[in-house]
Every structure is written in structure tokens, then in C-alpha cells.
PDB file of all heavy atoms in Angstrom:
ATOM      1  N   LEU A   1     -52.196  38.533   5.915  1.00  0.00           N
ATOM      2  CA  LEU A   1     -51.250  39.563   6.348  1.00  0.00           C
ATOM      3  C   LEU A   1     -49.841  39.001   6.434  1.00  0.00           C
ATOM      4  O   LEU A   1     -48.869  39.681   6.100  1.00  0.00           O
ATOM      5  CB  LEU A   1     -51.684  40.118   7.716  1.00  0.00           C
ATOM      6  CG  LEU A   1     -50.863  41.301   8.254  1.00  0.00           C
ATOM      7  CD1 LEU A   1     -50.943  42.478   7.303  1.00  0.00           C
ATOM      8  CD2 LEU A   1     -51.353  41.689   9.647  1.00  0.00           C
ATOM      9  N   SER A   2     -49.724  37.742   6.831  1.00  0.00           N
ATOM     10  CA  SER A   2     -48.399  37.123   6.947  1.00  0.00           C
ATOM     11  C   SER A   2     -47.716  36.950   5.592  1.00  0.00           C
ATOM     12  O   SER A   2     -46.487  36.825   5.518  1.00  0.00           O
ATOM     13  CB  SER A   2     -48.526  35.756   7.631  1.00  0.00           C
ATOM     14  OG  SER A   2     -49.395  34.906   6.892  1.00  0.00           O
ATOM     15  N   ASP A   3     -48.524  36.952   4.525  1.00  0.00           N
ATOM     16  CA  ASP A   3     -47.948  36.799   3.179  1.00  0.00           C
ATOM     17  C   ASP A   3     -47.082  37.987   2.785  1.00  0.00           C
ATOM     18  O   ASP A   3     -46.269  37.886   1.864  1.00  0.00           O
ATOM     19  CB  ASP A   3     -49.063  36.609   2.144  1.00  0.00           C
ATOM     20  CG  ASP A   3     -49.788  35.281   2.320  1.00  0.00           C
ATOM     21  OD1 ASP A   3     -49.129  34.316   2.718  1.00  0.00           O
ATOM     22  OD2 ASP A   3     -50.998  35.233   2.066  1.00  0.00           O
ATOM     23  N   TRP A   4     -47.270  39.126   3.459  1.00  0.00           N
ATOM     24  CA  TRP A   4     -46.437  40.298   3.188  1.00  0.00           C
ATOM     25  C   TRP A   4     -44.967  40.009   3.471  1.00  0.00           C
ATOM     26  O   TRP A   4     -44.082  40.610   2.861  1.00  0.00           O
ATOM     27  CB  TRP A   4     -46.913  41.492   4.023  1.00  0.00           C
ATOM     28  CG  TRP A   4     -48.017  42.231   3.362  1.00  0.00           C
ATOM     29  CD1 TRP A   4     -49.342  41.964   3.412  1.00  0.00           C
ATOM     30  CD2 TRP A   4     -47.882  43.377   2.515  1.00  0.00           C
ATOM     31  NE1 TRP A   4     -50.053  42.860   2.656  1.00  0.00           N
ATOM     32  CE2 TRP A   4     -49.188  43.741   2.099  1.00  0.00           C
ATOM     33  CE3 TRP A   4     -46.809  44.131   2.072  1.00  0.00           C
ATOM     34  CZ2 TRP A   4     -49.427  44.818   1.266  1.00  0.00           C
ATOM     35  CZ3 TRP A   4     -47.041  45.215   1.242  1.00  0.00           C
ATOM     36  CH2 TRP A   4     -48.332  45.550   0.843  1.00  0.00           C
ATOM     37  N   LEU A   5     -44.696  39.094   4.404  1.00  0.00           N
ATOM     38  CA  LEU A   5     -43.311  38.728   4.708  1.00  0.00           C
ATOM     39  C   LEU A   5     -42.639  38.081   3.510  1.00  0.00           C
ATOM     40  O   LEU A   5     -41.416  38.083   3.391  1.00  0.00           O
ATOM     41  CB  LEU A   5     -43.275  37.774   5.908  1.00  0.00           C
ATOM     42  CG  LEU A   5     -43.797  38.337   7.234  1.00  0.00           C
ATOM     43  CD1 LEU A   5     -43.791  37.255   8.302  1.00  0.00           C
ATOM     44  CD2 LEU A   5     -42.971  39.532   7.670  1.00  0.00           C
ATOM     45  N   ILE A   6     -43.464  37.531   2.615  1.00  0.00           N
ATOM     46  CA  ILE A   6     -42.945  36.923   1.385  1.00  0.00           C
ATOM     47  C   ILE A   6     -43.021  37.896   0.218  1.00  0.00           C
ATOM     48  O   ILE A   6     -42.090  38.014  -0.581  1.00  0.00           O
ATOM     49  CB  ILE A   6     -43.732  35.638   1.054  1.00  0.00           C
ATOM     50  CG1 ILE A   6     -43.587  34.619   2.197  1.00  0.00           C
ATOM     51  CG2 ILE A   6     -43.263  35.036  -0.267  1.00  0.00           C
ATOM     52  CD1 ILE A   6     -44.430  33.381   2.010  1.00  0.00           C
ATOM     53  N   ILE A   7     -44.147  38.630   0.132  1.00  0.00           N
ATOM     54  CA  ILE A   7     -44.382  39.518  -1.007  1.00  0.00           C
ATOM     55  C   ILE A   7     -43.347  40.637  -1.078  1.00  0.00           C
ATOM     56  O   ILE A   7     -42.800  40.931  -2.148  1.00  0.00           O
ATOM     57  CB  ILE A   7     -45.802  40.117  -0.929  1.00  0.00           C
ATOM     58  CG1 ILE A   7     -46.850  39.029  -1.172  1.00  0.00           C
ATOM     59  CG2 ILE A   7     -45.970  41.232  -1.968  1.00  0.00           C
ATOM     60  CD1 ILE A   7     -48.266  39.512  -0.995  1.00  0.00           C
ATOM     61  N   VAL A   8     -43.068  41.273   0.068  1.00  0.00           N
ATOM     62  CA  VAL A   8     -42.182  42.442   0.055  1.00  0.00           C
ATOM     63  C   VAL A   8     -40.786  42.088  -0.435  1.00  0.00           C
ATOM     64  O   VAL A   8     -40.288  42.693  -1.402  1.00  0.00           O
ATOM     65  CB  VAL A   8     -42.145  43.109   1.442  1.00  0.00           C
ATOM     66  CG1 VAL A   8     -41.070  44.191   1.476  1.00  0.00           C
ATOM     67  CG2 VAL A   8     -43.505  43.709   1.779  1.00  0.00           C
ATOM     68  N   PRO A   9     -40.085  41.114   0.183  1.00  0.00           N
ATOM     69  CA  PRO A   9     -38.737  40.802  -0.333  1.00  0.00           C
ATOM     70  C   PRO A   9     -38.757  40.239  -1.746  1.00  0.00           C
ATOM     71  O   PRO A   9     -37.845  40.505  -2.541  1.00  0.00           O
ATOM     72  CB  PRO A   9     -38.201  39.773   0.673  1.00  0.00           C
ATOM     73  CG  PRO A   9     -39.393  39.218   1.356  1.00  0.00           C
ATOM     74  CD  PRO A   9     -40.408  40.317   1.373  1.00  0.00           C
ATOM     75  N   ARG A  10     -39.805  39.460  -2.093  1.00  0.00           N
ATOM     76  CA  ARG A  10     -39.885  38.897  -3.440  1.00  0.00           C
ATOM     77  C   ARG A  10     -40.053  39.997  -4.478  1.00  0.00           C
ATOM     78  O   ARG A  10     -39.413  39.980  -5.538  1.00  0.00           O
ATOM     79  CB  ARG A  10     -41.052  37.912  -3.529  1.00  0.00           C
ATOM     80  CG  ARG A  10     -41.092  37.126  -4.833  1.00  0.00           C
ATOM     81  CD  ARG A  10     -42.340  36.291  -4.904  1.00  0.00           C
ATOM     82  NE  ARG A  10     -43.531  37.122  -5.109  1.00  0.00           N
ATOM     83  CZ  ARG A  10     -44.776  36.670  -5.058  1.00  0.00           C
ATOM     84  NH1 ARG A  10     -44.995  35.396  -4.768  1.00  0.00           N
ATOM     85  NH2 ARG A  10     -45.804  37.471  -5.267  1.00  0.00           N
ATOM     86  N   SER A  11     -40.914  40.982  -4.167  1.00  0.00           N
ATOM     87  CA  SER A  11     -41.151  42.078  -5.108  1.00  0.00           C
ATOM     88  C   SER A  11     -39.902  42.931  -5.284  1.00  0.00           C
ATOM     89  O   SER A  11     -39.550  43.311  -6.407  1.00  0.00           O
ATOM     90  CB  SER A  11     -42.315  42.947  -4.620  1.00  0.00           C
ATOM     91  OG  SER A  11     -43.511  42.216  -4.561  1.00  0.00           O
ATOM     92  N   ILE A  12     -39.225  43.225  -4.179  1.00  0.00           N
ATOM     93  CA  ILE A  12     -38.002  44.024  -4.261  1.00  0.00           C
ATOM     94  C   ILE A  12     -36.921  43.257  -5.014  1.00  0.00           C
ATOM     95  O   ILE A  12     -36.178  43.824  -5.829  1.00  0.00           O
ATOM     96  CB  ILE A  12     -37.528  44.421  -2.855  1.00  0.00           C
ATOM     97  CG1 ILE A  12     -38.547  45.377  -2.209  1.00  0.00           C
ATOM     98  CG2 ILE A  12     -36.151  45.083  -2.913  1.00  0.00           C
ATOM     99  CD1 ILE A  12     -38.223  45.772  -0.786  1.00  0.00           C
ATOM    100  N   GLY A  13     -36.834  41.947  -4.750  1.00  0.00           N
ATOM    101  CA  GLY A  13     -35.860  41.126  -5.473  1.00  0.00           C
ATOM    102  C   GLY A  13     -36.130  41.103  -6.963  1.00  0.00           C
ATOM    103  O   GLY A  13     -35.204  41.139  -7.778  1.00  0.00           O
ATOM    104  N   ARG A  14     -37.386  41.081  -7.326  1.00  0.00           N
ATOM    105  CA  ARG A  14     -37.764  41.083  -8.747  1.00  0.00           C
ATOM    106  C   ARG A  14     -37.389  42.433  -9.378  1.00  0.00           C
ATOM    107  O   ARG A  14     -36.945  42.490 -10.526  1.00  0.00           O
ATOM    108  CB  ARG A  14     -39.262  40.840  -8.866  1.00  0.00           C
ATOM    109  CG  ARG A  14     -39.751  40.434 -10.233  1.00  0.00           C
ATOM    110  CD  ARG A  14     -39.669  38.944 -10.486  1.00  0.00           C
ATOM    111  NE  ARG A  14     -40.395  38.607 -11.706  1.00  0.00           N
ATOM    112  CZ  ARG A  14     -40.794  37.387 -12.020  1.00  0.00           C
ATOM    113  NH1 ARG A  14     -40.524  36.370 -11.232  1.00  0.00           N
ATOM    114  NH2 ARG A  14     -41.450  37.164 -13.156  1.00  0.00           N
ATOM    115  N   GLU A  15     -37.572  43.525  -8.636  1.00  0.00           N
ATOM    116  CA  GLU A  15     -37.177  44.838  -9.140  1.00  0.00           C
ATOM    117  C   GLU A  15     -35.675  44.911  -9.360  1.00  0.00           C
ATOM    118  O   GLU A  15     -35.198  45.474 -10.347  1.00  0.00           O
ATOM    119  CB  GLU A  15     -37.613  45.933  -8.158  1.00  0.00           C
ATOM    120  CG  GLU A  15     -39.098  46.168  -8.096  1.00  0.00           C
ATOM    121  CD  GLU A  15     -39.676  46.612  -9.426  1.00  0.00           C
ATOM    122  OE1 GLU A  15     -39.099  47.510 -10.061  1.00  0.00           O
ATOM    123  OE2 GLU A  15     -40.705  46.032  -9.835  1.00  0.00           O
ATOM    124  N   LEU A  16     -34.916  44.336  -8.438  1.00  0.00           N
ATOM    125  CA  LEU A  16     -33.457  44.325  -8.585  1.00  0.00           C
ATOM    126  C   LEU A  16     -33.050  43.481  -9.800  1.00  0.00           C
ATOM    127  O   LEU A  16     -32.075  43.811 -10.483  1.00  0.00           O
ATOM    128  CB  LEU A  16     -32.806  43.781  -7.316  1.00  0.00           C
ATOM    129  CG  LEU A  16     -32.954  44.662  -6.066  1.00  0.00           C
ATOM    130  CD1 LEU A  16     -32.357  43.958  -4.848  1.00  0.00           C
ATOM    131  CD2 LEU A  16     -32.295  46.024  -6.274  1.00  0.00           C
ATOM    132  N   ARG A  17     -33.790  42.425 -10.058  1.00  0.00           N
ATOM    133  CA  ARG A  17     -33.517  41.596 -11.245  1.00  0.00           C
ATOM    134  C   ARG A  17     -33.706  42.421 -12.514  1.00  0.00           C
ATOM    135  O   ARG A  17     -32.903  42.321 -13.455  1.00  0.00           O
ATOM    136  CB  ARG A  17     -34.454  40.382 -11.238  1.00  0.00           C
ATOM    137  CG  ARG A  17     -34.308  39.470 -12.458  1.00  0.00           C
ATOM    138  CD  ARG A  17     -32.976  38.764 -12.455  1.00  0.00           C
ATOM    139  NE  ARG A  17     -32.823  37.895 -13.611  1.00  0.00           N
ATOM    140  CZ  ARG A  17     -32.433  38.297 -14.814  1.00  0.00           C
ATOM    141  NH1 ARG A  17     -32.160  39.583 -15.017  1.00  0.00           N
ATOM    142  NH2 ARG A  17     -32.294  37.451 -15.808  1.00  0.00           N
ATOM    143  N   LYS A  18     -34.752  43.218 -12.553  1.00  0.00           N
ATOM    144  CA  LYS A  18     -34.985  44.078 -13.721  1.00  0.00           C
ATOM    145  C   LYS A  18     -33.900  45.149 -13.830  1.00  0.00           C
ATOM    146  O   LYS A  18     -33.476  45.507 -14.934  1.00  0.00           O
ATOM    147  CB  LYS A  18     -36.371  44.725 -13.623  1.00  0.00           C
ATOM    148  CG  LYS A  18     -37.509  43.771 -13.958  1.00  0.00           C
ATOM    149  CD  LYS A  18     -38.870  44.425 -13.820  1.00  0.00           C
ATOM    150  CE  LYS A  18     -39.378  44.370 -12.404  1.00  0.00           C
ATOM    151  NZ  LYS A  18     -40.786  44.778 -12.267  1.00  0.00           N
ATOM    152  N   LEU A  19     -33.455  45.630 -12.668  1.00  0.00           N
ATOM    153  CA  LEU A  19     -32.401  46.647 -12.668  1.00  0.00           C
ATOM    154  C   LEU A  19     -31.094  46.079 -13.209  1.00  0.00           C
ATOM    155  O   LEU A  19     -30.372  46.756 -13.960  1.00  0.00           O
ATOM    156  CB  LEU A  19     -32.212  47.183 -11.245  1.00  0.00           C
ATOM    157  CG  LEU A  19     -31.378  48.456 -11.080  1.00  0.00           C
ATOM    158  CD1 LEU A  19     -31.981  49.606 -11.876  1.00  0.00           C
ATOM    159  CD2 LEU A  19     -31.275  48.821  -9.608  1.00  0.00           C
ATOM    160  N   LEU A  20     -30.783  44.840 -12.856  1.00  0.00           N
ATOM    161  CA  LEU A  20     -29.577  44.189 -13.364  1.00  0.00           C
ATOM    162  C   LEU A  20     -29.661  43.971 -14.870  1.00  0.00           C
ATOM    163  O   LEU A  20     -28.637  43.976 -15.563  1.00  0.00           O
ATOM    164  CB  LEU A  20     -29.365  42.853 -12.647  1.00  0.00           C
ATOM    165  CG  LEU A  20     -28.928  42.938 -11.178  1.00  0.00           C
ATOM    166  CD1 LEU A  20     -28.874  41.548 -10.562  1.00  0.00           C
ATOM    167  CD2 LEU A  20     -27.578  43.630 -11.050  1.00  0.00           C
ATOM    168  N   TYR A  21     -30.845  43.752 -15.375  1.00  0.00           N
ATOM    169  CA  TYR A  21     -31.036  43.626 -16.821  1.00  0.00           C
ATOM    170  C   TYR A  21     -30.854  44.984 -17.498  1.00  0.00           C
ATOM    171  O   TYR A  21     -30.277  45.078 -18.588  1.00  0.00           O
ATOM    172  CB  TYR A  21     -32.436  43.076 -17.105  1.00  0.00           C
ATOM    173  CG  TYR A  21     -32.783  42.994 -18.577  1.00  0.00           C
ATOM    174  CD1 TYR A  21     -32.410  41.878 -19.333  1.00  0.00           C
ATOM    175  CD2 TYR A  21     -33.483  44.013 -19.216  1.00  0.00           C
ATOM    176  CE1 TYR A  21     -32.724  41.793 -20.683  1.00  0.00           C
ATOM    177  CE2 TYR A  21     -33.803  43.933 -20.561  1.00  0.00           C
ATOM    178  CZ  TYR A  21     -33.422  42.824 -21.289  1.00  0.00           C
ATOM    179  OH  TYR A  21     -33.737  42.761 -22.631  1.00  0.00           O
ATOM    180  N   PHE A  22     -31.332  46.042 -16.840  1.00  0.00           N
ATOM    181  CA  PHE A  22     -31.342  47.374 -17.433  1.00  0.00           C
ATOM    182  C   PHE A  22     -29.958  48.034 -17.461  1.00  0.00           C
ATOM    183  O   PHE A  22     -29.551  48.595 -18.490  1.00  0.00           O
ATOM    184  CB  PHE A  22     -32.312  48.265 -16.656  1.00  0.00           C
ATOM    185  CG  PHE A  22     -32.247  49.729 -17.003  1.00  0.00           C
ATOM    186  CD1 PHE A  22     -32.838  50.210 -18.155  1.00  0.00           C
ATOM    187  CD2 PHE A  22     -31.581  50.622 -16.172  1.00  0.00           C
ATOM    188  CE1 PHE A  22     -32.780  51.551 -18.484  1.00  0.00           C
ATOM    189  CE2 PHE A  22     -31.515  51.963 -16.482  1.00  0.00           C
ATOM    190  CZ  PHE A  22     -32.113  52.438 -17.638  1.00  0.00           C
ATOM    191  N   LEU A  23     -29.220  47.983 -16.347  1.00  0.00           N
ATOM    192  CA  LEU A  23     -28.015  48.805 -16.194  1.00  0.00           C
ATOM    193  C   LEU A  23     -26.926  48.541 -17.230  1.00  0.00           C
ATOM    194  O   LEU A  23     -26.406  49.499 -17.825  1.00  0.00           O
ATOM    195  CB  LEU A  23     -27.459  48.645 -14.776  1.00  0.00           C
ATOM    196  CG  LEU A  23     -28.280  49.305 -13.670  1.00  0.00           C
ATOM    197  CD1 LEU A  23     -27.679  49.028 -12.301  1.00  0.00           C
ATOM    198  CD2 LEU A  23     -28.393  50.805 -13.903  1.00  0.00           C
ATOM    199  N   PRO A  24     -26.505  47.308 -17.492  1.00  0.00           N
ATOM    200  CA  PRO A  24     -25.443  47.129 -18.495  1.00  0.00           C
ATOM    201  C   PRO A  24     -25.851  47.581 -19.889  1.00  0.00           C
ATOM    202  O   PRO A  24     -25.035  48.136 -20.635  1.00  0.00           O
ATOM    203  CB  PRO A  24     -25.165  45.612 -18.450  1.00  0.00           C
ATOM    204  CG  PRO A  24     -26.369  45.002 -17.833  1.00  0.00           C
ATOM    205  CD  PRO A  24     -26.915  46.021 -16.895  1.00  0.00           C
ATOM    206  N   ARG A  25     -27.102  47.371 -20.246  1.00  0.00           N
ATOM    207  CA  ARG A  25     -27.586  47.804 -21.561  1.00  0.00           C
ATOM    208  C   ARG A  25     -27.696  49.323 -21.619  1.00  0.00           C
ATOM    209  O   ARG A  25     -27.420  49.931 -22.653  1.00  0.00           O
ATOM    210  CB  ARG A  25     -28.929  47.139 -21.847  1.00  0.00           C
ATOM    211  CG  ARG A  25     -28.809  45.633 -22.053  1.00  0.00           C
ATOM    212  CD  ARG A  25     -30.117  44.902 -21.929  1.00  0.00           C
ATOM    213  NE  ARG A  25     -29.971  43.466 -22.177  1.00  0.00           N
ATOM    214  CZ  ARG A  25     -29.503  42.605 -21.273  1.00  0.00           C
ATOM    215  NH1 ARG A  25     -29.170  43.035 -20.062  1.00  0.00           N
ATOM    216  NH2 ARG A  25     -29.383  41.326 -21.575  1.00  0.00           N
ATOM    217  N   ALA A  26     -28.106  49.925 -20.497  1.00  0.00           N
ATOM    218  CA  ALA A  26     -28.187  51.383 -20.444  1.00  0.00           C
ATOM    219  C   ALA A  26     -26.803  52.004 -20.559  1.00  0.00           C
ATOM    220  O   ALA A  26     -26.640  53.070 -21.178  1.00  0.00           O
ATOM    221  CB  ALA A  26     -28.854  51.819 -19.141  1.00  0.00           C
ATOM    222  N   PHE A  27     -25.797  51.349 -19.987  1.00  0.00           N
ATOM    223  CA  PHE A  27     -24.420  51.866 -20.072  1.00  0.00           C
ATOM    224  C   PHE A  27     -23.937  51.870 -21.516  1.00  0.00           C
ATOM    225  O   PHE A  27     -23.322  52.842 -21.981  1.00  0.00           O
ATOM    226  CB  PHE A  27     -23.489  51.013 -19.204  1.00  0.00           C
ATOM    227  CG  PHE A  27     -22.053  51.441 -19.261  1.00  0.00           C
ATOM    228  CD1 PHE A  27     -21.631  52.596 -18.620  1.00  0.00           C
ATOM    229  CD2 PHE A  27     -21.124  50.693 -19.982  1.00  0.00           C
ATOM    230  CE1 PHE A  27     -20.296  53.001 -18.692  1.00  0.00           C
ATOM    231  CE2 PHE A  27     -19.804  51.087 -20.052  1.00  0.00           C
ATOM    232  CZ  PHE A  27     -19.387  52.251 -19.400  1.00  0.00           C
ATOM    233  N   ILE A  28     -24.217  50.806 -22.242  1.00  0.00           N
ATOM    234  CA  ILE A  28     -23.825  50.739 -23.660  1.00  0.00           C
ATOM    235  C   ILE A  28     -24.546  51.829 -24.458  1.00  0.00           C
ATOM    236  O   ILE A  28     -23.936  52.517 -25.293  1.00  0.00           O
ATOM    237  CB  ILE A  28     -24.144  49.349 -24.237  1.00  0.00           C
ATOM    238  CG1 ILE A  28     -23.284  48.288 -23.557  1.00  0.00           C
ATOM    239  CG2 ILE A  28     -23.918  49.330 -25.750  1.00  0.00           C
ATOM    240  CD1 ILE A  28     -23.629  46.869 -23.944  1.00  0.00           C
ATOM    241  N   LEU A  29     -25.832  52.000 -24.179  1.00  0.00           N
ATOM    242  CA  LEU A  29     -26.598  53.020 -24.896  1.00  0.00           C
ATOM    243  C   LEU A  29     -26.121  54.422 -24.535  1.00  0.00           C
ATOM    244  O   LEU A  29     -26.194  55.338 -25.354  1.00  0.00           O
ATOM    245  CB  LEU A  29     -28.088  52.871 -24.586  1.00  0.00           C
ATOM    246  CG  LEU A  29     -28.768  51.663 -25.230  1.00  0.00           C
ATOM    247  CD1 LEU A  29     -30.206  51.557 -24.753  1.00  0.00           C
ATOM    248  CD2 LEU A  29     -28.724  51.767 -26.750  1.00  0.00           C
ATOM    249  N   LEU A  30     -25.644  54.583 -23.293  1.00  0.00           N
ATOM    250  CA  LEU A  30     -25.109  55.878 -22.883  1.00  0.00           C
ATOM    251  C   LEU A  30     -23.886  56.236 -23.720  1.00  0.00           C
ATOM    252  O   LEU A  30     -23.713  57.392 -24.139  1.00  0.00           O
ATOM    253  CB  LEU A  30     -24.744  55.845 -21.395  1.00  0.00           C
ATOM    254  CG  LEU A  30     -24.202  57.146 -20.804  1.00  0.00           C
ATOM    255  CD1 LEU A  30     -25.245  58.249 -20.883  1.00  0.00           C
ATOM    256  CD2 LEU A  30     -23.767  56.933 -19.361  1.00  0.00           C
ATOM    257  N   LEU A  31     -23.055  55.253 -23.996  1.00  0.00           N
ATOM    258  CA  LEU A  31     -21.884  55.487 -24.850  1.00  0.00           C
ATOM    259  C   LEU A  31     -22.312  55.807 -26.281  1.00  0.00           C
ATOM    260  O   LEU A  31     -21.724  56.683 -26.936  1.00  0.00           O
ATOM    261  CB  LEU A  31     -20.974  54.257 -24.835  1.00  0.00           C
ATOM    262  CG  LEU A  31     -20.369  53.875 -23.480  1.00  0.00           C
ATOM    263  CD1 LEU A  31     -19.529  52.612 -23.620  1.00  0.00           C
ATOM    264  CD2 LEU A  31     -19.533  55.015 -22.918  1.00  0.00           C
ATOM    265  N   LEU A  32     -23.344  55.114 -26.748  1.00  0.00           N
ATOM    266  CA  LEU A  32     -23.821  55.339 -28.116  1.00  0.00           C
ATOM    267  C   LEU A  32     -24.593  56.650 -28.249  1.00  0.00           C
ATOM    268  O   LEU A  32     -24.811  57.120 -29.366  1.00  0.00           O
ATOM    269  CB  LEU A  32     -24.719  54.182 -28.555  1.00  0.00           C
ATOM    270  CG  LEU A  32     -24.031  52.830 -28.747  1.00  0.00           C
ATOM    271  CD1 LEU A  32     -25.053  51.749 -29.068  1.00  0.00           C
ATOM    272  CD2 LEU A  32     -22.977  52.917 -29.856  1.00  0.00           C
ATOM    273  N   SER A  33     -25.022  57.218 -27.105  1.00  0.00           N
ATOM    274  CA  SER A  33     -25.811  58.452 -27.157  1.00  0.00           C
ATOM    275  C   SER A  33     -25.007  59.638 -27.682  1.00  0.00           C
ATOM    276  O   SER A  33     -25.587  60.665 -28.037  1.00  0.00           O
ATOM    277  CB  SER A  33     -26.371  58.776 -25.772  1.00  0.00           C
ATOM    278  OG  SER A  33     -25.327  59.054 -24.858  1.00  0.00           O
ATOM    279  N   PHE A  34     -23.660  59.490 -27.720  1.00  0.00           N
ATOM    280  CA  PHE A  34     -22.842  60.564 -28.273  1.00  0.00           C
ATOM    281  C   PHE A  34     -22.921  60.595 -29.798  1.00  0.00           C
ATOM    282  O   PHE A  34     -22.441  61.545 -30.425  1.00  0.00           O
ATOM    283  CB  PHE A  34     -21.381  60.396 -27.829  1.00  0.00           C
ATOM    284  CG  PHE A  34     -21.178  60.626 -26.354  1.00  0.00           C
ATOM    285  CD1 PHE A  34     -21.082  59.563 -25.482  1.00  0.00           C
ATOM    286  CD2 PHE A  34     -21.119  61.915 -25.847  1.00  0.00           C
ATOM    287  CE1 PHE A  34     -20.899  59.760 -24.120  1.00  0.00           C
ATOM    288  CE2 PHE A  34     -20.940  62.134 -24.498  1.00  0.00           C
ATOM    289  CZ  PHE A  34     -20.828  61.059 -23.624  1.00  0.00           C
ATOM    290  N   ILE A  35     -23.496  59.565 -30.387  1.00  0.00           N
ATOM    291  CA  ILE A  35     -23.707  59.561 -31.841  1.00  0.00           C
ATOM    292  C   ILE A  35     -25.056  60.229 -32.108  1.00  0.00           C
ATOM    293  O   ILE A  35     -26.093  59.713 -31.677  1.00  0.00           O
ATOM    294  CB  ILE A  35     -23.715  58.126 -32.400  1.00  0.00           C
ATOM    295  CG1 ILE A  35     -22.417  57.407 -32.041  1.00  0.00           C
ATOM    296  CG2 ILE A  35     -23.933  58.144 -33.915  1.00  0.00           C
ATOM    297  CD1 ILE A  35     -22.390  55.947 -32.475  1.00  0.00           C
ATOM    298  N   PRO A  36     -25.079  61.372 -32.769  1.00  0.00           N
ATOM    299  CA  PRO A  36     -26.343  62.103 -32.980  1.00  0.00           C
ATOM    300  C   PRO A  36     -27.415  61.234 -33.626  1.00  0.00           C
ATOM    301  O   PRO A  36     -27.132  60.393 -34.468  1.00  0.00           O
ATOM    302  CB  PRO A  36     -25.919  63.264 -33.904  1.00  0.00           C
ATOM    303  CG  PRO A  36     -24.457  63.410 -33.691  1.00  0.00           C
ATOM    304  CD  PRO A  36     -23.935  62.031 -33.402  1.00  0.00           C
ATOM    305  N   ILE A  37     -28.629  61.449 -33.197  1.00  0.00           N
ATOM    306  CA  ILE A  37     -29.835  60.791 -33.725  1.00  0.00           C
ATOM    307  C   ILE A  37     -29.861  59.295 -33.388  1.00  0.00           C
ATOM    308  O   ILE A  37     -30.836  58.802 -32.794  1.00  0.00           O
ATOM    309  CB  ILE A  37     -30.000  61.005 -35.246  1.00  0.00           C
ATOM    310  CG1 ILE A  37     -30.065  62.503 -35.565  1.00  0.00           C
ATOM    311  CG2 ILE A  37     -31.248  60.298 -35.747  1.00  0.00           C
ATOM    312  CD1 ILE A  37     -30.194  62.813 -37.037  1.00  0.00           C
ATOM    313  N   LEU A  38     -28.812  58.562 -33.755  1.00  0.00           N
ATOM    314  CA  LEU A  38     -28.794  57.123 -33.499  1.00  0.00           C
ATOM    315  C   LEU A  38     -28.973  56.832 -32.012  1.00  0.00           C
ATOM    316  O   LEU A  38     -29.770  55.952 -31.635  1.00  0.00           O
ATOM    317  CB  LEU A  38     -27.480  56.509 -33.991  1.00  0.00           C
ATOM    318  CG  LEU A  38     -27.299  55.010 -33.675  1.00  0.00           C
ATOM    319  CD1 LEU A  38     -28.364  54.190 -34.382  1.00  0.00           C
ATOM    320  CD2 LEU A  38     -25.888  54.553 -34.056  1.00  0.00           C
ATOM    321  N   GLY A  39     -28.241  57.568 -31.176  1.00  0.00           N
ATOM    322  CA  GLY A  39     -28.342  57.356 -29.741  1.00  0.00           C
ATOM    323  C   GLY A  39     -29.745  57.593 -29.217  1.00  0.00           C
ATOM    324  O   GLY A  39     -30.258  56.820 -28.405  1.00  0.00           O
ATOM    325  N   MET A  40     -30.380  58.664 -29.692  1.00  0.00           N
ATOM    326  CA  MET A  40     -31.739  58.988 -29.244  1.00  0.00           C
ATOM    327  C   MET A  40     -32.731  57.914 -29.681  1.00  0.00           C
ATOM    328  O   MET A  40     -33.612  57.525 -28.906  1.00  0.00           O
ATOM    329  CB  MET A  40     -32.151  60.355 -29.804  1.00  0.00           C
ATOM    330  CG  MET A  40     -31.334  61.523 -29.280  1.00  0.00           C
ATOM    331  SD  MET A  40     -31.842  63.099 -30.015  1.00  0.00           S
ATOM    332  CE  MET A  40     -33.547  63.192 -29.464  1.00  0.00           C
ATOM    333  N   VAL A  41     -32.593  57.435 -30.917  1.00  0.00           N
ATOM    334  CA  VAL A  41     -33.498  56.409 -31.431  1.00  0.00           C
ATOM    335  C   VAL A  41     -33.356  55.117 -30.632  1.00  0.00           C
ATOM    336  O   VAL A  41     -34.350  54.489 -30.233  1.00  0.00           O
ATOM    337  CB  VAL A  41     -33.230  56.146 -32.924  1.00  0.00           C
ATOM    338  CG1 VAL A  41     -34.017  54.933 -33.406  1.00  0.00           C
ATOM    339  CG2 VAL A  41     -33.599  57.374 -33.745  1.00  0.00           C
ATOM    340  N   LEU A  42     -32.115  54.723 -30.350  1.00  0.00           N
ATOM    341  CA  LEU A  42     -31.872  53.495 -29.603  1.00  0.00           C
ATOM    342  C   LEU A  42     -32.406  53.600 -28.175  1.00  0.00           C
ATOM    343  O   LEU A  42     -32.964  52.638 -27.639  1.00  0.00           O
ATOM    344  CB  LEU A  42     -30.375  53.166 -29.591  1.00  0.00           C
ATOM    345  CG  LEU A  42     -29.771  52.761 -30.939  1.00  0.00           C
ATOM    346  CD1 LEU A  42     -28.272  52.526 -30.807  1.00  0.00           C
ATOM    347  CD2 LEU A  42     -30.453  51.504 -31.476  1.00  0.00           C
ATOM    348  N   TRP A  43     -32.228  54.768 -27.553  1.00  0.00           N
ATOM    349  CA  TRP A  43     -32.760  54.979 -26.205  1.00  0.00           C
ATOM    350  C   TRP A  43     -34.276  54.837 -26.197  1.00  0.00           C
ATOM    351  O   TRP A  43     -34.856  54.199 -25.308  1.00  0.00           O
ATOM    352  CB  TRP A  43     -32.373  56.365 -25.689  1.00  0.00           C
ATOM    353  CG  TRP A  43     -31.147  56.389 -24.836  1.00  0.00           C
ATOM    354  CD1 TRP A  43     -29.952  56.981 -25.132  1.00  0.00           C
ATOM    355  CD2 TRP A  43     -30.977  55.793 -23.545  1.00  0.00           C
ATOM    356  NE1 TRP A  43     -29.068  56.785 -24.109  1.00  0.00           N
ATOM    357  CE2 TRP A  43     -29.656  56.068 -23.117  1.00  0.00           C
ATOM    358  CE3 TRP A  43     -31.807  55.059 -22.711  1.00  0.00           C
ATOM    359  CZ2 TRP A  43     -29.159  55.623 -21.888  1.00  0.00           C
ATOM    360  CZ3 TRP A  43     -31.314  54.619 -21.485  1.00  0.00           C
ATOM    361  CH2 TRP A  43     -30.012  54.899 -21.088  1.00  0.00           C
TER     362      TRP A  43
END
């Protein structure tokens, strides 16, 4: 049960790491989404 003190912050930190990987790339793709078809395929 005490391991939850480690698991919870570690898991949330790992999710934030994935979010940091996702957001800048998603922003670029958001700009490219104005190009018909290409934007949808890249997304």
C-alpha cells in the first residue's frame, strides 16, 4: 500500500512527459490541418 506514494506521482509524471512530447507536435499539425487532405492524413 505504501508503494502508492511512489506509483501515483510517478505515473502522473510519466503522463506529463507524454503530454510534453505531444503538444508541440500537435501544434505544428494544427497549423498544417488547414491544408486539405494532407492535414487529415498527418493527424
